[in-house]
Amino acid sequence: MIEPIHQSRFPWWVYWTALIFILAFTIAPFFLMVADSGLGILLIVTAPLGMGALIVWGIVVTIHRLAWGRHNKPSP
């Protein structure tokens, strides 16, 4: 039986880092609004953009994971 030379791992760290940045961008205005109530307009912009980015992030992760799994499937 031939052993695989190197089984690469899925780059989850890239996606977790991107998710942290997306969440920070989305949640930051909520904390800023507590400090200054005049910044409420930021919620109108960042909340929809953040939700859209989360949806795109989920789609990209799913597609990449499926493609990566098919590419790294062990041959019989």
N, C-alpha and C. Protein backbone atom coordinates (compact mmCIF):
# COMPACT_ATOMS: atom_id res chain seq x y z
N MET A 1 0.84 -1.17 0.00
CA MET A 1 0.00 0.00 0.00
C MET A 1 0.89 1.24 0.00
N ILE A 2 0.55 2.19 -0.84
CA ILE A 2 1.33 3.41 -0.96
C ILE A 2 0.75 4.46 -0.01
N GLU A 3 1.61 5.01 0.82
CA GLU A 3 1.21 6.05 1.76
C GLU A 3 1.28 7.40 1.07
N PRO A 4 0.34 8.31 1.34
CA PRO A 4 0.46 9.64 0.75
C PRO A 4 1.66 10.37 1.34
N ILE A 5 2.33 11.12 0.48
CA ILE A 5 3.53 11.83 0.91
C ILE A 5 3.18 12.91 1.92
N HIS A 6 2.24 13.76 1.57
CA HIS A 6 1.86 14.84 2.48
C HIS A 6 0.39 15.15 2.26
N GLN A 7 -0.39 14.98 3.29
CA GLN A 7 -1.82 15.29 3.21
C GLN A 7 -1.99 16.73 3.67
N SER A 8 -2.31 17.62 2.75
CA SER A 8 -2.46 19.03 3.12
C SER A 8 -3.75 19.23 3.91
N ARG A 9 -3.70 20.23 4.78
CA ARG A 9 -4.85 20.54 5.61
C ARG A 9 -5.59 21.73 5.02
N PHE A 10 -6.88 21.77 5.26
CA PHE A 10 -7.69 22.89 4.79
C PHE A 10 -7.29 24.15 5.55
N PRO A 11 -7.12 25.28 4.86
CA PRO A 11 -6.64 26.51 5.51
C PRO A 11 -7.73 27.24 6.31
N TRP A 12 -8.17 26.62 7.37
CA TRP A 12 -9.22 27.22 8.19
C TRP A 12 -8.79 28.55 8.80
N TRP A 13 -7.50 28.70 9.12
CA TRP A 13 -7.05 29.92 9.79
C TRP A 13 -7.33 31.16 8.95
N VAL A 14 -7.28 31.03 7.64
CA VAL A 14 -7.56 32.16 6.76
C VAL A 14 -9.02 32.58 6.90
N TYR A 15 -9.91 31.59 6.93
CA TYR A 15 -11.33 31.88 7.01
C TYR A 15 -11.73 32.38 8.40
N TRP A 16 -11.13 31.84 9.45
CA TRP A 16 -11.44 32.33 10.80
C TRP A 16 -10.95 33.75 10.97
N THR A 17 -9.79 34.08 10.41
CA THR A 17 -9.28 35.45 10.49
C THR A 17 -10.21 36.41 9.74
N ALA A 18 -10.64 36.02 8.55
CA ALA A 18 -11.57 36.87 7.79
C ALA A 18 -12.88 37.04 8.54
N LEU A 19 -13.37 35.98 9.18
CA LEU A 19 -14.61 36.06 9.94
C LEU A 19 -14.48 37.03 11.11
N ILE A 20 -13.36 37.02 11.79
CA ILE A 20 -13.14 37.94 12.90
C ILE A 20 -13.15 39.39 12.42
N PHE A 21 -12.53 39.66 11.28
CA PHE A 21 -12.54 41.01 10.73
C PHE A 21 -13.94 41.44 10.31
N ILE A 22 -14.69 40.53 9.71
CA ILE A 22 -16.06 40.85 9.30
C ILE A 22 -16.92 41.16 10.52
N LEU A 23 -16.81 40.33 11.55
CA LEU A 23 -17.60 40.56 12.76
C LEU A 23 -17.19 41.85 13.47
N ALA A 24 -15.90 42.14 13.49
CA ALA A 24 -15.43 43.38 14.11
C ALA A 24 -15.98 44.59 13.36
N PHE A 25 -15.98 44.53 12.03
CA PHE A 25 -16.52 45.61 11.21
C PHE A 25 -18.02 45.79 11.44
N THR A 26 -18.72 44.69 11.63
CA THR A 26 -20.17 44.73 11.80
C THR A 26 -20.57 45.18 13.20
N ILE A 27 -19.85 44.74 14.21
CA ILE A 27 -20.24 44.99 15.60
C ILE A 27 -19.68 46.31 16.14
N ALA A 28 -18.59 46.80 15.61
CA ALA A 28 -17.93 48.00 16.13
C ALA A 28 -18.87 49.20 16.28
N PRO A 29 -19.72 49.50 15.31
CA PRO A 29 -20.60 50.67 15.49
C PRO A 29 -21.55 50.56 16.68
N PHE A 30 -21.93 49.36 17.07
CA PHE A 30 -22.79 49.21 18.24
C PHE A 30 -22.09 49.72 19.50
N PHE A 31 -20.81 49.41 19.61
CA PHE A 31 -20.05 49.87 20.77
C PHE A 31 -19.72 51.36 20.66
N LEU A 32 -19.48 51.85 19.45
CA LEU A 32 -19.21 53.27 19.27
C LEU A 32 -20.45 54.11 19.53
N MET A 33 -21.63 53.56 19.24
CA MET A 33 -22.87 54.29 19.44
C MET A 33 -23.13 54.53 20.93
N VAL A 34 -22.66 53.60 21.77
CA VAL A 34 -22.80 53.79 23.21
C VAL A 34 -21.99 55.00 23.66
N ALA A 35 -20.82 55.19 23.07
CA ALA A 35 -19.96 56.30 23.44
C ALA A 35 -20.47 57.63 22.85
N ASP A 36 -21.00 57.59 21.64
CA ASP A 36 -21.46 58.81 20.97
C ASP A 36 -22.73 58.47 20.19
N SER A 37 -23.85 58.98 20.64
CA SER A 37 -25.14 58.61 20.01
C SER A 37 -25.28 59.16 18.59
N GLY A 38 -24.44 60.08 18.17
CA GLY A 38 -24.50 60.63 16.83
C GLY A 38 -23.97 59.68 15.77
N LEU A 39 -23.39 58.58 16.17
CA LEU A 39 -22.82 57.63 15.20
C LEU A 39 -23.82 56.55 14.79
N GLY A 40 -25.07 56.73 15.09
CA GLY A 40 -26.09 55.74 14.73
C GLY A 40 -26.20 55.51 13.23
N ILE A 41 -25.81 56.51 12.45
CA ILE A 41 -25.87 56.37 10.99
C ILE A 41 -24.94 55.26 10.50
N LEU A 42 -23.87 54.99 11.25
CA LEU A 42 -22.96 53.91 10.86
C LEU A 42 -23.66 52.56 10.86
N LEU A 43 -24.64 52.39 11.74
CA LEU A 43 -25.37 51.12 11.78
C LEU A 43 -26.13 50.87 10.49
N ILE A 44 -26.60 51.94 9.88
CA ILE A 44 -27.36 51.80 8.63
C ILE A 44 -26.46 51.25 7.52
N VAL A 45 -25.19 51.57 7.59
CA VAL A 45 -24.25 51.14 6.55
C VAL A 45 -23.59 49.80 6.91
N THR A 46 -23.05 49.70 8.11
CA THR A 46 -22.24 48.53 8.44
C THR A 46 -23.06 47.27 8.70
N ALA A 47 -24.26 47.40 9.23
CA ALA A 47 -25.05 46.20 9.52
C ALA A 47 -25.40 45.44 8.24
N PRO A 48 -25.97 46.08 7.20
CA PRO A 48 -26.25 45.34 5.97
C PRO A 48 -24.99 44.84 5.27
N LEU A 49 -23.94 45.67 5.27
CA LEU A 49 -22.69 45.22 4.64
C LEU A 49 -22.10 44.02 5.38
N GLY A 50 -22.16 44.06 6.70
CA GLY A 50 -21.65 42.93 7.49
C GLY A 50 -22.45 41.67 7.25
N MET A 51 -23.77 41.78 7.20
CA MET A 51 -24.61 40.60 6.94
C MET A 51 -24.34 40.04 5.54
N GLY A 52 -24.20 40.93 4.58
CA GLY A 52 -23.87 40.47 3.23
C GLY A 52 -22.51 39.79 3.18
N ALA A 53 -21.56 40.36 3.89
CA ALA A 53 -20.22 39.76 3.93
C ALA A 53 -20.25 38.40 4.62
N LEU A 54 -21.07 38.23 5.64
CA LEU A 54 -21.18 36.93 6.30
C LEU A 54 -21.77 35.88 5.36
N ILE A 55 -22.76 36.29 4.58
CA ILE A 55 -23.35 35.35 3.61
C ILE A 55 -22.32 34.96 2.56
N VAL A 56 -21.60 35.95 2.01
CA VAL A 56 -20.56 35.66 1.01
C VAL A 56 -19.47 34.78 1.62
N TRP A 57 -19.07 35.07 2.86
CA TRP A 57 -18.06 34.27 3.56
C TRP A 57 -18.50 32.82 3.65
N GLY A 58 -19.74 32.59 4.05
CA GLY A 58 -20.25 31.22 4.17
C GLY A 58 -20.28 30.49 2.84
N ILE A 59 -20.67 31.17 1.78
CA ILE A 59 -20.71 30.56 0.46
C ILE A 59 -19.30 30.22 -0.01
N VAL A 60 -18.37 31.15 0.17
CA VAL A 60 -16.98 30.91 -0.26
C VAL A 60 -16.36 29.75 0.52
N VAL A 61 -16.58 29.71 1.84
CA VAL A 61 -16.03 28.62 2.65
C VAL A 61 -16.60 27.28 2.19
N THR A 62 -17.91 27.23 1.95
CA THR A 62 -18.54 25.99 1.52
C THR A 62 -18.01 25.51 0.18
N ILE A 63 -17.93 26.42 -0.78
CA ILE A 63 -17.45 26.03 -2.12
C ILE A 63 -15.99 25.61 -2.06
N HIS A 64 -15.16 26.36 -1.34
CA HIS A 64 -13.74 26.02 -1.25
C HIS A 64 -13.55 24.68 -0.55
N ARG A 65 -14.30 24.45 0.52
CA ARG A 65 -14.17 23.19 1.26
C ARG A 65 -14.60 21.99 0.40
N LEU A 66 -15.68 22.14 -0.34
CA LEU A 66 -16.12 21.05 -1.22
C LEU A 66 -15.10 20.78 -2.32
N ALA A 67 -14.59 21.85 -2.94
CA ALA A 67 -13.59 21.68 -4.00
C ALA A 67 -12.30 21.09 -3.44
N TRP A 68 -11.88 21.55 -2.27
CA TRP A 68 -10.67 21.04 -1.64
C TRP A 68 -10.83 19.56 -1.29
N GLY A 69 -12.01 19.19 -0.80
CA GLY A 69 -12.26 17.78 -0.46
C GLY A 69 -12.23 16.88 -1.69
N ARG A 70 -12.77 17.36 -2.78
CA ARG A 70 -12.74 16.55 -4.02
C ARG A 70 -11.33 16.45 -4.57
N HIS A 71 -10.58 17.52 -4.45
CA HIS A 71 -9.21 17.52 -4.96
C HIS A 71 -8.30 16.61 -4.14
N ASN A 72 -8.50 16.57 -2.84
CA ASN A 72 -7.63 15.79 -1.96
C ASN A 72 -8.20 14.42 -1.60
N LYS A 73 -9.20 13.98 -2.34
CA LYS A 73 -9.76 12.66 -2.07
C LYS A 73 -8.73 11.59 -2.43
N PRO A 74 -8.51 10.65 -1.51
CA PRO A 74 -7.53 9.60 -1.82
C PRO A 74 -8.02 8.73 -2.96
N SER A 75 -7.11 8.42 -3.85
CA SER A 75 -7.48 7.57 -5.00
C SER A 75 -7.48 6.11 -4.56
N PRO A 76 -8.40 5.32 -5.10
CA PRO A 76 -8.49 3.90 -4.69
C PRO A 76 -7.36 3.04 -5.21
